[in-house]
Amino acid sequence: ESGGGLVQPGGSLRLSCAASGDAVSIYSMGWYRQAP
């Protein structure tokens, strides 16, 4: 994963998940999050 950082409320970010070793097209993909 990449693209995280500090942003102000109301702002935008785009996260990327770069895959290697296999094609993402054959996987169900998801984004999860964990807050403290």
PDB file of all heavy atoms in Angstrom:
ATOM      1  N   GLU A   1       0.831  -1.201   0.000  1.00  0.00           N
ATOM      2  CA  GLU A   1       0.000   0.000   0.000  1.00  0.00           C
ATOM      3  C   GLU A   1       0.868   1.254   0.000  1.00  0.00           C
ATOM      4  O   GLU A   1       1.981   1.253   0.521  1.00  0.00           O
ATOM      5  CB  GLU A   1      -0.915   0.039   1.242  1.00  0.00           C
ATOM      6  CG  GLU A   1      -1.849  -1.133   1.401  1.00  0.00           C
ATOM      7  CD  GLU A   1      -1.309  -2.196   2.329  1.00  0.00           C
ATOM      8  OE1 GLU A   1      -0.064  -2.301   2.450  1.00  0.00           O
ATOM      9  OE2 GLU A   1      -2.115  -2.927   2.944  1.00  0.00           O
ATOM     10  N   SER A   2       0.325   2.317  -0.559  1.00  0.00           N
ATOM     11  CA  SER A   2       0.969   3.627  -0.523  1.00  0.00           C
ATOM     12  C   SER A   2      -0.102   4.696  -0.647  1.00  0.00           C
ATOM     13  O   SER A   2      -1.261   4.396  -0.958  1.00  0.00           O
ATOM     14  CB  SER A   2       1.996   3.763  -1.651  1.00  0.00           C
ATOM     15  OG  SER A   2       1.365   3.662  -2.910  1.00  0.00           O
ATOM     16  N   GLY A   3       0.308   5.939  -0.388  1.00  0.00           N
ATOM     17  CA  GLY A   3      -0.605   7.059  -0.580  1.00  0.00           C
ATOM     18  C   GLY A   3      -1.167   7.655   0.694  1.00  0.00           C
ATOM     19  O   GLY A   3      -1.884   8.657   0.639  1.00  0.00           O
ATOM     20  N   GLY A   4      -0.863   7.048   1.835  1.00  0.00           N
ATOM     21  CA  GLY A   4      -1.353   7.608   3.081  1.00  0.00           C
ATOM     22  C   GLY A   4      -0.609   8.881   3.444  1.00  0.00           C
ATOM     23  O   GLY A   4       0.369   9.256   2.814  1.00  0.00           O
ATOM     24  N   GLY A   5      -1.120   9.554   4.478  1.00  0.00           N
ATOM     25  CA  GLY A   5      -0.477  10.774   4.929  1.00  0.00           C
ATOM     26  C   GLY A   5      -1.410  11.598   5.777  1.00  0.00           C
ATOM     27  O   GLY A   5      -2.470  11.128   6.198  1.00  0.00           O
ATOM     28  N   LEU A   6      -1.000  12.837   6.000  1.00  0.00           N
ATOM     29  CA  LEU A   6      -1.793  13.776   6.792  1.00  0.00           C
ATOM     30  C   LEU A   6      -2.600  14.665   5.853  1.00  0.00           C
ATOM     31  O   LEU A   6      -2.045  15.237   4.902  1.00  0.00           O
ATOM     32  CB  LEU A   6      -0.859  14.626   7.655  1.00  0.00           C
ATOM     33  CG  LEU A   6      -1.499  15.768   8.442  1.00  0.00           C
ATOM     34  CD1 LEU A   6      -2.465  15.214   9.481  1.00  0.00           C
ATOM     35  CD2 LEU A   6      -0.414  16.617   9.111  1.00  0.00           C
ATOM     36  N   VAL A   7      -3.891  14.784   6.128  1.00  0.00           N
ATOM     37  CA  VAL A   7      -4.766  15.606   5.305  1.00  0.00           C
ATOM     38  C   VAL A   7      -5.751  16.323   6.219  1.00  0.00           C
ATOM     39  O   VAL A   7      -6.127  15.799   7.276  1.00  0.00           O
ATOM     40  CB  VAL A   7      -5.497  14.742   4.257  1.00  0.00           C
ATOM     41  CG1 VAL A   7      -6.392  13.714   4.918  1.00  0.00           C
ATOM     42  CG2 VAL A   7      -6.273  15.593   3.266  1.00  0.00           C
ATOM     43  N   GLN A   8      -6.163  17.513   5.813  1.00  0.00           N
ATOM     44  CA  GLN A   8      -7.130  18.275   6.597  1.00  0.00           C
ATOM     45  C   GLN A   8      -8.542  17.736   6.379  1.00  0.00           C
ATOM     46  O   GLN A   8      -8.834  17.148   5.329  1.00  0.00           O
ATOM     47  CB  GLN A   8      -7.071  19.743   6.213  1.00  0.00           C
ATOM     48  CG  GLN A   8      -5.780  20.430   6.626  1.00  0.00           C
ATOM     49  CD  GLN A   8      -5.826  21.920   6.370  1.00  0.00           C
ATOM     50  OE1 GLN A   8      -6.648  22.424   5.605  1.00  0.00           O
ATOM     51  NE2 GLN A   8      -4.940  22.653   7.033  1.00  0.00           N
ATOM     52  N   PRO A   9      -9.417  17.926   7.342  1.00  0.00           N
ATOM     53  CA  PRO A   9     -10.813  17.538   7.137  1.00  0.00           C
ATOM     54  C   PRO A   9     -11.377  18.174   5.874  1.00  0.00           C
ATOM     55  O   PRO A   9     -11.116  19.344   5.577  1.00  0.00           O
ATOM     56  CB  PRO A   9     -11.508  18.086   8.393  1.00  0.00           C
ATOM     57  CG  PRO A   9     -10.437  18.081   9.433  1.00  0.00           C
ATOM     58  CD  PRO A   9      -9.171  18.446   8.699  1.00  0.00           C
ATOM     59  N   GLY A  10     -12.120  17.371   5.127  1.00  0.00           N
ATOM     60  CA  GLY A  10     -12.660  17.818   3.848  1.00  0.00           C
ATOM     61  C   GLY A  10     -11.754  17.550   2.668  1.00  0.00           C
ATOM     62  O   GLY A  10     -12.172  17.716   1.515  1.00  0.00           O
ATOM     63  N   GLY A  11     -10.535  17.136   2.938  1.00  0.00           N
ATOM     64  CA  GLY A  11      -9.571  16.877   1.873  1.00  0.00           C
ATOM     65  C   GLY A  11      -9.731  15.499   1.256  1.00  0.00           C
ATOM     66  O   GLY A  11     -10.642  14.740   1.598  1.00  0.00           O
ATOM     67  N   SER A  12      -8.812  15.201   0.327  1.00  0.00           N
ATOM     68  CA  SER A  12      -8.861  13.942  -0.411  1.00  0.00           C
ATOM     69  C   SER A  12      -7.505  13.265  -0.407  1.00  0.00           C
ATOM     70  O   SER A  12      -6.462  13.933  -0.313  1.00  0.00           O
ATOM     71  CB  SER A  12      -9.279  14.193  -1.868  1.00  0.00           C
ATOM     72  OG  SER A  12     -10.571  14.737  -1.939  1.00  0.00           O
ATOM     73  N   LEU A  13      -7.538  11.957  -0.512  1.00  0.00           N
ATOM     74  CA  LEU A  13      -6.338  11.142  -0.707  1.00  0.00           C
ATOM     75  C   LEU A  13      -6.704   9.978  -1.614  1.00  0.00           C
ATOM     76  O   LEU A  13      -7.859   9.538  -1.634  1.00  0.00           O
ATOM     77  CB  LEU A  13      -5.823  10.575   0.628  1.00  0.00           C
ATOM     78  CG  LEU A  13      -5.015  11.457   1.561  1.00  0.00           C
ATOM     79  CD1 LEU A  13      -4.709  10.694   2.847  1.00  0.00           C
ATOM     80  CD2 LEU A  13      -3.733  11.935   0.912  1.00  0.00           C
ATOM     81  N   ARG A  14      -5.706   9.488  -2.341  1.00  0.00           N
ATOM     82  CA  ARG A  14      -5.900   8.261  -3.098  1.00  0.00           C
ATOM     83  C   ARG A  14      -4.869   7.237  -2.631  1.00  0.00           C
ATOM     84  O   ARG A  14      -3.659   7.464  -2.750  1.00  0.00           O
ATOM     85  CB  ARG A  14      -5.767   8.489  -4.604  1.00  0.00           C
ATOM     86  CG  ARG A  14      -6.169   7.237  -5.397  1.00  0.00           C
ATOM     87  CD  ARG A  14      -6.108   7.444  -6.881  1.00  0.00           C
ATOM     88  NE  ARG A  14      -4.759   7.388  -7.415  1.00  0.00           N
ATOM     89  CZ  ARG A  14      -4.471   7.099  -8.683  1.00  0.00           C
ATOM     90  NH1 ARG A  14      -5.453   6.845  -9.539  1.00  0.00           N
ATOM     91  NH2 ARG A  14      -3.216   7.099  -9.093  1.00  0.00           N
ATOM     92  N   LEU A  15      -5.358   6.141  -2.132  1.00  0.00           N
ATOM     93  CA  LEU A  15      -4.491   5.047  -1.729  1.00  0.00           C
ATOM     94  C   LEU A  15      -4.307   4.083  -2.892  1.00  0.00           C
ATOM     95  O   LEU A  15      -5.237   3.852  -3.670  1.00  0.00           O
ATOM     96  CB  LEU A  15      -5.080   4.293  -0.540  1.00  0.00           C
ATOM     97  CG  LEU A  15      -5.417   5.119   0.701  1.00  0.00           C
ATOM     98  CD1 LEU A  15      -5.913   4.202   1.817  1.00  0.00           C
ATOM     99  CD2 LEU A  15      -4.234   5.944   1.154  1.00  0.00           C
ATOM    100  N   SER A  16      -3.108   3.510  -2.978  1.00  0.00           N
ATOM    101  CA  SER A  16      -2.811   2.518  -4.003  1.00  0.00           C
ATOM    102  C   SER A  16      -2.378   1.221  -3.334  1.00  0.00           C
ATOM    103  O   SER A  16      -1.714   1.238  -2.299  1.00  0.00           O
ATOM    104  CB  SER A  16      -1.691   3.011  -4.917  1.00  0.00           C
ATOM    105  OG  SER A  16      -2.060   4.195  -5.582  1.00  0.00           O
ATOM    106  N   CYS A  17      -2.755   0.130  -3.954  1.00  0.00           N
ATOM    107  CA  CYS A  17      -2.331  -1.202  -3.512  1.00  0.00           C
ATOM    108  C   CYS A  17      -1.727  -1.890  -4.727  1.00  0.00           C
ATOM    109  O   CYS A  17      -2.460  -2.354  -5.607  1.00  0.00           O
ATOM    110  CB  CYS A  17      -3.515  -1.979  -2.970  1.00  0.00           C
ATOM    111  SG  CYS A  17      -3.169  -3.712  -2.597  1.00  0.00           S
ATOM    112  N   ALA A  18      -0.412  -1.919  -4.772  1.00  0.00           N
ATOM    113  CA  ALA A  18       0.292  -2.530  -5.888  1.00  0.00           C
ATOM    114  C   ALA A  18       0.538  -4.002  -5.594  1.00  0.00           C
ATOM    115  O   ALA A  18       1.062  -4.350  -4.532  1.00  0.00           O
ATOM    116  CB  ALA A  18       1.612  -1.812  -6.132  1.00  0.00           C
ATOM    117  N   ALA A  19       0.163  -4.849  -6.527  1.00  0.00           N
ATOM    118  CA  ALA A  19       0.296  -6.287  -6.349  1.00  0.00           C
ATOM    119  C   ALA A  19       1.421  -6.834  -7.203  1.00  0.00           C
ATOM    120  O   ALA A  19       1.691  -6.328  -8.296  1.00  0.00           O
ATOM    121  CB  ALA A  19      -1.005  -6.984  -6.697  1.00  0.00           C
ATOM    122  N   SER A  20       2.049  -7.888  -6.705  1.00  0.00           N
ATOM    123  CA  SER A  20       3.056  -8.611  -7.461  1.00  0.00           C
ATOM    124  C   SER A  20       2.917 -10.090  -7.150  1.00  0.00           C
ATOM    125  O   SER A  20       2.331 -10.478  -6.143  1.00  0.00           O
ATOM    126  CB  SER A  20       4.459  -8.119  -7.110  1.00  0.00           C
ATOM    127  OG  SER A  20       4.724  -8.324  -5.743  1.00  0.00           O
ATOM    128  N   GLY A  21       3.425 -10.899  -8.047  1.00  0.00           N
ATOM    129  CA  GLY A  21       3.384 -12.338  -7.849  1.00  0.00           C
ATOM    130  C   GLY A  21       2.145 -13.009  -8.401  1.00  0.00           C
ATOM    131  O   GLY A  21       2.115 -14.237  -8.549  1.00  0.00           O
ATOM    132  N   ASP A  22       1.132 -12.244  -8.672  1.00  0.00           N
ATOM    133  CA  ASP A  22      -0.109 -12.791  -9.213  1.00  0.00           C
ATOM    134  C   ASP A  22      -0.951 -11.617  -9.712  1.00  0.00           C
ATOM    135  O   ASP A  22      -0.700 -10.464  -9.368  1.00  0.00           O
ATOM    136  CB  ASP A  22      -0.868 -13.587  -8.155  1.00  0.00           C
ATOM    137  CG  ASP A  22      -1.626 -14.773  -8.739  1.00  0.00           C
ATOM    138  OD1 ASP A  22      -1.802 -14.811  -9.986  1.00  0.00           O
ATOM    139  OD2 ASP A  22      -2.048 -15.651  -7.973  1.00  0.00           O
ATOM    140  N   ALA A  23      -1.978 -11.927 -10.483  1.00  0.00           N
ATOM    141  CA  ALA A  23      -2.825 -10.885 -11.062  1.00  0.00           C
ATOM    142  C   ALA A  23      -3.978 -10.546 -10.126  1.00  0.00           C
ATOM    143  O   ALA A  23      -4.701 -11.438  -9.677  1.00  0.00           O
ATOM    144  CB  ALA A  23      -3.370 -11.341 -12.408  1.00  0.00           C
ATOM    145  N   VAL A  24      -4.169  -9.257  -9.861  1.00  0.00           N
ATOM    146  CA  VAL A  24      -5.273  -8.858  -8.980  1.00  0.00           C
ATOM    147  C   VAL A  24      -6.630  -9.188  -9.577  1.00  0.00           C
ATOM    148  O   VAL A  24      -7.624  -9.284  -8.873  1.00  0.00           O
ATOM    149  CB  VAL A  24      -5.220  -7.354  -8.634  1.00  0.00           C
ATOM    150  CG1 VAL A  24      -4.009  -7.033  -7.782  1.00  0.00           C
ATOM    151  CG2 VAL A  24      -5.269  -6.491  -9.877  1.00  0.00           C
ATOM    152  N   SER A  25      -6.673  -9.379 -10.887  1.00  0.00           N
ATOM    153  CA  SER A  25      -7.949  -9.615 -11.550  1.00  0.00           C
ATOM    154  C   SER A  25      -8.614 -10.912 -11.093  1.00  0.00           C
ATOM    155  O   SER A  25      -9.829 -11.062 -11.233  1.00  0.00           O
ATOM    156  CB  SER A  25      -7.771  -9.637 -13.068  1.00  0.00           C
ATOM    157  OG  SER A  25      -6.857 -10.644 -13.434  1.00  0.00           O
ATOM    158  N   ILE A  26      -7.838 -11.840 -10.533  1.00  0.00           N
ATOM    159  CA  ILE A  26      -8.426 -13.129 -10.127  1.00  0.00           C
ATOM    160  C   ILE A  26      -8.776 -13.149  -8.637  1.00  0.00           C
ATOM    161  O   ILE A  26      -9.226 -14.175  -8.120  1.00  0.00           O
ATOM    162  CB  ILE A  26      -7.488 -14.304 -10.445  1.00  0.00           C
ATOM    163  CG1 ILE A  26      -6.189 -14.229  -9.639  1.00  0.00           C
ATOM    164  CG2 ILE A  26      -7.179 -14.336 -11.941  1.00  0.00           C
ATOM    165  CD1 ILE A  26      -5.317 -15.473  -9.795  1.00  0.00           C
ATOM    166  N   TYR A  27      -8.557 -12.017  -7.962  1.00  0.00           N
ATOM    167  CA  TYR A  27      -8.833 -11.923  -6.532  1.00  0.00           C
ATOM    168  C   TYR A  27     -10.000 -10.978  -6.272  1.00  0.00           C
ATOM    169  O   TYR A  27     -10.186  -9.981  -6.974  1.00  0.00           O
ATOM    170  CB  TYR A  27      -7.618 -11.375  -5.782  1.00  0.00           C
ATOM    171  CG  TYR A  27      -6.448 -12.332  -5.714  1.00  0.00           C
ATOM    172  CD1 TYR A  27      -5.545 -12.416  -6.766  1.00  0.00           C
ATOM    173  CD2 TYR A  27      -6.250 -13.130  -4.598  1.00  0.00           C
ATOM    174  CE1 TYR A  27      -4.482 -13.291  -6.709  1.00  0.00           C
ATOM    175  CE2 TYR A  27      -5.181 -13.999  -4.526  1.00  0.00           C
ATOM    176  CZ  TYR A  27      -4.295 -14.071  -5.584  1.00  0.00           C
ATOM    177  OH  TYR A  27      -3.239 -14.937  -5.526  1.00  0.00           O
ATOM    178  N   SER A  28     -10.742 -11.273  -5.235  1.00  0.00           N
ATOM    179  CA  SER A  28     -11.623 -10.271  -4.654  1.00  0.00           C
ATOM    180  C   SER A  28     -10.731  -9.394  -3.771  1.00  0.00           C
ATOM    181  O   SER A  28      -9.999  -9.902  -2.924  1.00  0.00           O
ATOM    182  CB  SER A  28     -12.717 -10.909  -3.805  1.00  0.00           C
ATOM    183  OG  SER A  28     -13.615 -11.623  -4.612  1.00  0.00           O
ATOM    184  N   MET A  29     -10.807  -8.092  -3.997  1.00  0.00           N
ATOM    185  CA  MET A  29      -9.916  -7.163  -3.316  1.00  0.00           C
ATOM    186  C   MET A  29     -10.713  -6.289  -2.359  1.00  0.00           C
ATOM    187  O   MET A  29     -11.885  -5.969  -2.596  1.00  0.00           O
ATOM    188  CB  MET A  29      -9.204  -6.274  -4.339  1.00  0.00           C
ATOM    189  CG  MET A  29      -8.396  -7.029  -5.375  1.00  0.00           C
ATOM    190  SD  MET A  29      -7.004  -7.933  -4.674  1.00  0.00           S
ATOM    191  CE  MET A  29      -6.020  -6.577  -4.014  1.00  0.00           C
ATOM    192  N   GLY A  30     -10.047  -5.881  -1.303  1.00  0.00           N
ATOM    193  CA  GLY A  30     -10.730  -5.021  -0.344  1.00  0.00           C
ATOM    194  C   GLY A  30      -9.774  -4.078   0.347  1.00  0.00           C
ATOM    195  O   GLY A  30      -8.559  -4.304   0.383  1.00  0.00           O
ATOM    196  N   TRP A  31     -10.325  -3.008   0.841  1.00  0.00           N
ATOM    197  CA  TRP A  31      -9.617  -2.079   1.717  1.00  0.00           C
ATOM    198  C   TRP A  31     -10.261  -2.162   3.107  1.00  0.00           C
ATOM    199  O   TRP A  31     -11.491  -2.056   3.222  1.00  0.00           O
ATOM    200  CB  TRP A  31      -9.697  -0.650   1.197  1.00  0.00           C
ATOM    201  CG  TRP A  31      -8.809  -0.376   0.034  1.00  0.00           C
ATOM    202  CD1 TRP A  31      -9.149  -0.378  -1.286  1.00  0.00           C
ATOM    203  CD2 TRP A  31      -7.416  -0.033   0.089  1.00  0.00           C
ATOM    204  NE1 TRP A  31      -8.056  -0.075  -2.056  1.00  0.00           N
ATOM    205  CE2 TRP A  31      -6.981   0.154  -1.234  1.00  0.00           C
ATOM    206  CE3 TRP A  31      -6.502   0.144   1.123  1.00  0.00           C
ATOM    207  CZ2 TRP A  31      -5.666   0.499  -1.557  1.00  0.00           C
ATOM    208  CZ3 TRP A  31      -5.200   0.488   0.804  1.00  0.00           C
ATOM    209  CH2 TRP A  31      -4.797   0.656  -0.511  1.00  0.00           C
ATOM    210  N   TYR A  32      -9.422  -2.364   4.098  1.00  0.00           N
ATOM    211  CA  TYR A  32      -9.844  -2.376   5.489  1.00  0.00           C
ATOM    212  C   TYR A  32      -9.127  -1.249   6.220  1.00  0.00           C
ATOM    213  O   TYR A  32      -8.121  -0.726   5.740  1.00  0.00           O
ATOM    214  CB  TYR A  32      -9.475  -3.708   6.156  1.00  0.00           C
ATOM    215  CG  TYR A  32     -10.313  -4.885   5.729  1.00  0.00           C
ATOM    216  CD1 TYR A  32     -10.185  -5.435   4.455  1.00  0.00           C
ATOM    217  CD2 TYR A  32     -11.224  -5.471   6.602  1.00  0.00           C
ATOM    218  CE1 TYR A  32     -10.959  -6.524   4.065  1.00  0.00           C
ATOM    219  CE2 TYR A  32     -11.990  -6.565   6.234  1.00  0.00           C
ATOM    220  CZ  TYR A  32     -11.851  -7.082   4.969  1.00  0.00           C
ATOM    221  OH  TYR A  32     -12.612  -8.168   4.590  1.00  0.00           O
ATOM    222  N   ARG A  33      -9.622  -0.914   7.380  1.00  0.00           N
ATOM    223  CA  ARG A  33      -8.926   0.066   8.207  1.00  0.00           C
ATOM    224  C   ARG A  33      -9.031  -0.329   9.677  1.00  0.00           C
ATOM    225  O   ARG A  33      -9.967  -1.009  10.080  1.00  0.00           O
ATOM    226  CB  ARG A  33      -9.474   1.473   7.994  1.00  0.00           C
ATOM    227  CG  ARG A  33     -10.900   1.702   8.479  1.00  0.00           C
ATOM    228  CD  ARG A  33     -11.364   3.100   8.079  1.00  0.00           C
ATOM    229  NE  ARG A  33     -12.729   3.366   8.517  1.00  0.00           N
ATOM    230  CZ  ARG A  33     -13.429   4.438   8.166  1.00  0.00           C
ATOM    231  NH1 ARG A  33     -12.883   5.350   7.362  1.00  0.00           N
ATOM    232  NH2 ARG A  33     -14.654   4.614   8.618  1.00  0.00           N
ATOM    233  N   GLN A  34      -8.039   0.128  10.421  1.00  0.00           N
ATOM    234  CA  GLN A  34      -8.020  -0.121  11.858  1.00  0.00           C
ATOM    235  C   GLN A  34      -7.574   1.140  12.573  1.00  0.00           C
ATOM    236  O   GLN A  34      -6.435   1.594  12.395  1.00  0.00           O
ATOM    237  CB  GLN A  34      -7.106  -1.293  12.206  1.00  0.00           C
ATOM    238  CG  GLN A  34      -7.188  -1.706  13.658  1.00  0.00           C
ATOM    239  CD  GLN A  34      -6.542  -3.060  13.913  1.00  0.00           C
ATOM    240  OE1 GLN A  34      -5.746  -3.544  13.107  1.00  0.00           O
ATOM    241  NE2 GLN A  34      -6.900  -3.688  15.018  1.00  0.00           N
ATOM    242  N   ALA A  35      -8.487   1.687  13.341  1.00  0.00           N
ATOM    243  CA  ALA A  35      -8.183   2.862  14.149  1.00  0.00           C
ATOM    244  C   ALA A  35      -7.648   2.411  15.508  1.00  0.00           C
ATOM    245  O   ALA A  35      -7.905   1.277  15.939  1.00  0.00           O
ATOM    246  CB  ALA A  35      -9.441   3.711  14.316  1.00  0.00           C
ATOM    247  N   PRO A  36      -6.914   3.278  16.198  1.00  0.00           N
ATOM    248  CA  PRO A  36      -6.372   2.912  17.511  1.00  0.00           C
ATOM    249  C   PRO A  36      -7.465   2.447  18.464  1.00  0.00           C
ATOM    250  O   PRO A  36      -8.493   3.109  18.616  1.00  0.00           O
ATOM    251  CB  PRO A  36      -5.728   4.211  17.994  1.00  0.00           C
ATOM    252  CG  PRO A  36      -5.389   4.954  16.761  1.00  0.00           C
ATOM    253  CD  PRO A  36      -6.480   4.622  15.784  1.00  0.00           C
TER     254      PRO A  36
END
